[in-house]
Amino acid sequence: MADDQRKEYEITKTEQEWQKQLTAEEFNVLREAGTERPFTSPLNDETSPGTLVCAACKAPVYDNKHKFKSGTGWPSYDRAIDGQVERDVDYKIGYARTELKCATCGSHLGHEFDDGPRDTTGKRHCINGVALDFVPEGQELPPLNRD
């Protein structure tokens, strides 16, 4: 998409504003579509009930009840919270993949594959743990980060 055709998100900031707010690793993944090293996220083992929010804008994106062990080294979910994650096409590695982005701020979360649990959606949302913050069930969700 050309720069003059970029989608406007509910939360839009300059790259400099995002850099001030995010750690270097978060910025690389969320704003530059990088990938964290597999098996490094503490969220890989997080199985408690709760909500995963975008680490950039704090919008709720995944319910932990839809998490499953994929063995890939990244947190994996069979679906997102309705309307909270958008799909785009990513050609970074030479062929088309389905990129998953936060629908509120456009941050890169990960990719979608068709090798998820067949007894549910059949989809695997392979998500960078650094792109998410876990909010345990019963704890209030943080307000959207508009600043």
C-alpha atoms as a PDB file:
ATOM      1  CA  MET A   1       0.000   0.000   0.000  1.00  0.00           C
ATOM      2  CA  ALA A   2       1.414   3.406  -0.919  1.00  0.00           C
ATOM      3  CA  ASP A   3       2.189   5.806   1.919  1.00  0.00           C
ATOM      4  CA  ASP A   4      -0.601   8.136   0.792  1.00  0.00           C
ATOM      5  CA  GLN A   5      -3.076   5.224   0.977  1.00  0.00           C
ATOM      6  CA  ARG A   6      -2.223   4.041   4.489  1.00  0.00           C
ATOM      7  CA  LYS A   7      -5.175   2.993   6.583  1.00  0.00           C
ATOM      8  CA  GLU A   8      -6.101   5.316   9.410  1.00  0.00           C
ATOM      9  CA  TYR A   9      -6.495   3.451  12.695  1.00  0.00           C
ATOM     10  CA  GLU A  10      -8.400   4.555  15.785  1.00  0.00           C
ATOM     11  CA  ILE A  11      -5.016   4.986  17.472  1.00  0.00           C
ATOM     12  CA  THR A  12      -2.394   6.463  15.154  1.00  0.00           C
ATOM     13  CA  LYS A  13       1.022   7.709  16.251  1.00  0.00           C
ATOM     14  CA  THR A  14       4.246   8.664  14.538  1.00  0.00           C
ATOM     15  CA  GLU A  15       7.066   6.132  14.489  1.00  0.00           C
ATOM     16  CA  GLN A  16       8.956   8.419  16.898  1.00  0.00           C
ATOM     17  CA  GLU A  17       6.030   8.359  19.334  1.00  0.00           C
ATOM     18  CA  TRP A  18       5.868   4.552  19.128  1.00  0.00           C
ATOM     19  CA  GLN A  19       9.661   4.330  19.704  1.00  0.00           C
ATOM     20  CA  LYS A  20       9.383   6.397  22.890  1.00  0.00           C
ATOM     21  CA  GLN A  21       6.560   4.209  24.206  1.00  0.00           C
ATOM     22  CA  LEU A  22       7.799   0.713  23.294  1.00  0.00           C
ATOM     23  CA  THR A  23      10.918  -1.267  24.165  1.00  0.00           C
ATOM     24  CA  ALA A  24      13.315  -1.926  21.268  1.00  0.00           C
ATOM     25  CA  GLU A  25      12.029  -5.510  20.934  1.00  0.00           C
ATOM     26  CA  GLU A  26       8.371  -4.426  21.057  1.00  0.00           C
ATOM     27  CA  PHE A  27       9.026  -1.744  18.433  1.00  0.00           C
ATOM     28  CA  ASN A  28      10.777  -4.247  16.151  1.00  0.00           C
ATOM     29  CA  VAL A  29       7.876  -6.702  16.304  1.00  0.00           C
ATOM     30  CA  LEU A  30       4.870  -4.387  16.570  1.00  0.00           C
ATOM     31  CA  ARG A  31       5.926  -1.564  14.247  1.00  0.00           C
ATOM     32  CA  GLU A  32       8.514  -3.183  11.938  1.00  0.00           C
ATOM     33  CA  ALA A  33       6.817  -6.617  11.649  1.00  0.00           C
ATOM     34  CA  GLY A  34       9.786  -8.407  13.187  1.00  0.00           C
ATOM     35  CA  THR A  35       9.632 -11.833  14.822  1.00  0.00           C
ATOM     36  CA  GLU A  36      10.786 -12.696  18.306  1.00  0.00           C
ATOM     37  CA  ARG A  37      12.940 -15.780  18.814  1.00  0.00           C
ATOM     38  CA  PRO A  38      10.873 -18.938  19.361  1.00  0.00           C
ATOM     39  CA  PHE A  39      10.466 -20.354  22.884  1.00  0.00           C
ATOM     40  CA  THR A  40      11.454 -17.038  24.523  1.00  0.00           C
ATOM     41  CA  SER A  41       8.063 -15.632  25.561  1.00  0.00           C
ATOM     42  CA  PRO A  42       6.746 -16.202  29.088  1.00  0.00           C
ATOM     43  CA  LEU A  43       3.292 -16.251  27.476  1.00  0.00           C
ATOM     44  CA  ASN A  44       4.093 -19.639  25.924  1.00  0.00           C
ATOM     45  CA  ASP A  45       3.306 -21.269  29.277  1.00  0.00           C
ATOM     46  CA  GLU A  46       0.513 -18.899  30.381  1.00  0.00           C
ATOM     47  CA  THR A  47      -2.673 -20.976  30.581  1.00  0.00           C
ATOM     48  CA  SER A  48      -4.644 -18.998  33.187  1.00  0.00           C
ATOM     49  CA  PRO A  49      -7.988 -17.515  32.194  1.00  0.00           C
ATOM     50  CA  GLY A  50      -7.599 -13.964  30.972  1.00  0.00           C
ATOM     51  CA  THR A  51      -7.369 -11.558  28.080  1.00  0.00           C
ATOM     52  CA  LEU A  52      -4.387 -10.719  25.912  1.00  0.00           C
ATOM     53  CA  VAL A  53      -4.145  -7.054  24.936  1.00  0.00           C
ATOM     54  CA  CYS A  54      -2.019  -5.426  22.251  1.00  0.00           C
ATOM     55  CA  ALA A  55       1.224  -4.306  23.915  1.00  0.00           C
ATOM     56  CA  ALA A  56       1.152  -1.073  21.902  1.00  0.00           C
ATOM     57  CA  CYS A  57      -2.378   0.267  22.374  1.00  0.00           C
ATOM     58  CA  LYS A  58      -3.847  -2.071  25.046  1.00  0.00           C
ATOM     59  CA  ALA A  59      -6.840  -3.138  22.910  1.00  0.00           C
ATOM     60  CA  PRO A  60      -8.085  -6.643  23.808  1.00  0.00           C
ATOM     61  CA  VAL A  61      -7.144  -9.040  20.980  1.00  0.00           C
ATOM     62  CA  TYR A  62      -7.231 -12.645  22.303  1.00  0.00           C
ATOM     63  CA  ASP A  63      -9.063 -14.622  24.983  1.00  0.00           C
ATOM     64  CA  ASN A  64      -6.670 -17.099  26.591  1.00  0.00           C
ATOM     65  CA  LYS A  65      -9.365 -19.808  26.499  1.00  0.00           C
ATOM     66  CA  HIS A  66      -8.656 -20.073  22.748  1.00  0.00           C
ATOM     67  CA  LYS A  67      -4.958 -20.789  23.286  1.00  0.00           C
ATOM     68  CA  PHE A  68      -3.479 -24.164  22.405  1.00  0.00           C
ATOM     69  CA  LYS A  69      -0.057 -25.809  22.476  1.00  0.00           C
ATOM     70  CA  SER A  70       1.237 -25.723  18.917  1.00  0.00           C
ATOM     71  CA  GLY A  71       4.818 -26.735  19.670  1.00  0.00           C
ATOM     72  CA  THR A  72       6.051 -23.909  17.407  1.00  0.00           C
ATOM     73  CA  GLY A  73       7.655 -21.773  20.112  1.00  0.00           C
ATOM     74  CA  TRP A  74       5.151 -18.916  19.926  1.00  0.00           C
ATOM     75  CA  PRO A  75       1.832 -18.406  21.730  1.00  0.00           C
ATOM     76  CA  SER A  76      -0.897 -19.843  19.486  1.00  0.00           C
ATOM     77  CA  TYR A  77      -4.642 -19.216  19.430  1.00  0.00           C
ATOM     78  CA  ASP A  78      -7.336 -20.682  17.196  1.00  0.00           C
ATOM     79  CA  ARG A  79      -9.161 -17.341  16.927  1.00  0.00           C
ATOM     80  CA  ALA A  80      -9.056 -13.695  17.946  1.00  0.00           C
ATOM     81  CA  ILE A  81     -11.694 -11.681  19.766  1.00  0.00           C
ATOM     82  CA  ASP A  82     -14.279 -10.735  17.113  1.00  0.00           C
ATOM     83  CA  GLY A  83     -13.373  -7.554  15.261  1.00  0.00           C
ATOM     84  CA  GLN A  84     -10.130  -6.965  17.173  1.00  0.00           C
ATOM     85  CA  VAL A  85      -7.598  -8.414  14.736  1.00  0.00           C
ATOM     86  CA  GLU A  86      -7.376  -7.707  11.018  1.00  0.00           C
ATOM     87  CA  ARG A  87      -5.757  -9.695   8.246  1.00  0.00           C
ATOM     88  CA  ASP A  88      -3.337  -8.377   5.641  1.00  0.00           C
ATOM     89  CA  VAL A  89      -1.025 -10.000   3.109  1.00  0.00           C
ATOM     90  CA  ASP A  90       2.687 -10.188   3.879  1.00  0.00           C
ATOM     91  CA  TYR A  91       5.274 -11.040   1.184  1.00  0.00           C
ATOM     92  CA  LYS A  92       8.373 -10.500   3.387  1.00  0.00           C
ATOM     93  CA  ILE A  93       9.740 -14.012   2.865  1.00  0.00           C
ATOM     94  CA  GLY A  94       8.973 -14.251  -0.855  1.00  0.00           C
ATOM     95  CA  TYR A  95       5.458 -15.673  -0.801  1.00  0.00           C
ATOM     96  CA  ALA A  96       2.088 -14.584   0.516  1.00  0.00           C
ATOM     97  CA  ARG A  97       1.283 -15.146   4.180  1.00  0.00           C
ATOM     98  CA  THR A  98      -1.660 -13.890   6.205  1.00  0.00           C
ATOM     99  CA  GLU A  99      -0.403 -11.222   8.569  1.00  0.00           C
ATOM    100  CA  LEU A 100      -2.396 -10.490  11.733  1.00  0.00           C
ATOM    101  CA  LYS A 101      -2.577  -6.897  12.973  1.00  0.00           C
ATOM    102  CA  CYS A 102      -4.256  -5.130  15.850  1.00  0.00           C
ATOM    103  CA  ALA A 103      -7.412  -3.588  14.387  1.00  0.00           C
ATOM    104  CA  THR A 104      -7.120  -0.604  16.749  1.00  0.00           C
ATOM    105  CA  CYS A 105      -3.555   0.556  16.033  1.00  0.00           C
ATOM    106  CA  GLY A 106      -2.334  -1.553  13.094  1.00  0.00           C
ATOM    107  CA  SER A 107       0.517  -3.145  15.037  1.00  0.00           C
ATOM    108  CA  HIS A 108       1.916  -6.451  13.754  1.00  0.00           C
ATOM    109  CA  LEU A 109       0.981  -9.357  16.008  1.00  0.00           C
ATOM    110  CA  GLY A 110       1.951 -12.425  13.974  1.00  0.00           C
ATOM    111  CA  HIS A 111       0.601 -14.669  11.204  1.00  0.00           C
ATOM    112  CA  GLU A 112      -2.311 -17.027  10.578  1.00  0.00           C
ATOM    113  CA  PHE A 113      -1.840 -20.579   9.324  1.00  0.00           C
ATOM    114  CA  ASP A 114      -4.234 -23.399   8.425  1.00  0.00           C
ATOM    115  CA  ASP A 115      -2.696 -26.000  10.741  1.00  0.00           C
ATOM    116  CA  GLY A 116      -4.642 -25.288  13.922  1.00  0.00           C
ATOM    117  CA  PRO A 117      -6.933 -27.620  15.867  1.00  0.00           C
ATOM    118  CA  ARG A 118      -9.336 -29.362  13.469  1.00  0.00           C
ATOM    119  CA  ASP A 119     -11.979 -29.683  16.203  1.00  0.00           C
ATOM    120  CA  THR A 120     -12.314 -25.872  16.403  1.00  0.00           C
ATOM    121  CA  THR A 121     -11.432 -23.379  13.653  1.00  0.00           C
ATOM    122  CA  GLY A 122      -8.527 -25.213  12.008  1.00  0.00           C
ATOM    123  CA  LYS A 123      -6.573 -21.942  12.254  1.00  0.00           C
ATOM    124  CA  ARG A 124      -3.366 -21.165  14.129  1.00  0.00           C
ATOM    125  CA  HIS A 125      -2.743 -17.567  15.053  1.00  0.00           C
ATOM    126  CA  CYS A 126       1.024 -17.670  15.628  1.00  0.00           C
ATOM    127  CA  ILE A 127       1.580 -14.580  17.764  1.00  0.00           C
ATOM    128  CA  ASN A 128       4.722 -12.912  19.039  1.00  0.00           C
ATOM    129  CA  GLY A 129       4.454 -12.912  22.831  1.00  0.00           C
ATOM    130  CA  VAL A 130       6.186  -9.524  23.020  1.00  0.00           C
ATOM    131  CA  ALA A 131       3.218  -8.106  21.061  1.00  0.00           C
ATOM    132  CA  LEU A 132       0.831  -9.001  23.894  1.00  0.00           C
ATOM    133  CA  ASP A 133       0.248  -8.204  27.548  1.00  0.00           C
ATOM    134  CA  PHE A 134      -1.689 -10.721  29.682  1.00  0.00           C
ATOM    135  CA  VAL A 135      -4.521  -9.468  31.897  1.00  0.00           C
ATOM    136  CA  PRO A 136      -5.734 -12.165  34.322  1.00  0.00           C
ATOM    137  CA  GLU A 137      -9.474 -12.851  34.495  1.00  0.00           C
ATOM    138  CA  GLY A 138     -11.123 -10.607  37.085  1.00  0.00           C
ATOM    139  CA  GLN A 139      -8.566  -7.833  36.645  1.00  0.00           C
ATOM    140  CA  GLU A 140      -9.750  -4.681  34.906  1.00  0.00           C
ATOM    141  CA  LEU A 141      -8.506  -4.233  31.350  1.00  0.00           C
ATOM    142  CA  PRO A 142      -6.226  -1.216  30.893  1.00  0.00           C
ATOM    143  CA  PRO A 143      -7.609   1.819  29.074  1.00  0.00           C
ATOM    144  CA  LEU A 144      -6.607   2.208  25.435  1.00  0.00           C
ATOM    145  CA  ASN A 145      -3.212   3.871  25.152  1.00  0.00           C
ATOM    146  CA  ARG A 146      -4.040   7.021  23.202  1.00  0.00           C
ATOM    147  CA  ASP A 147      -1.137   9.138  24.543  1.00  0.00           C
END
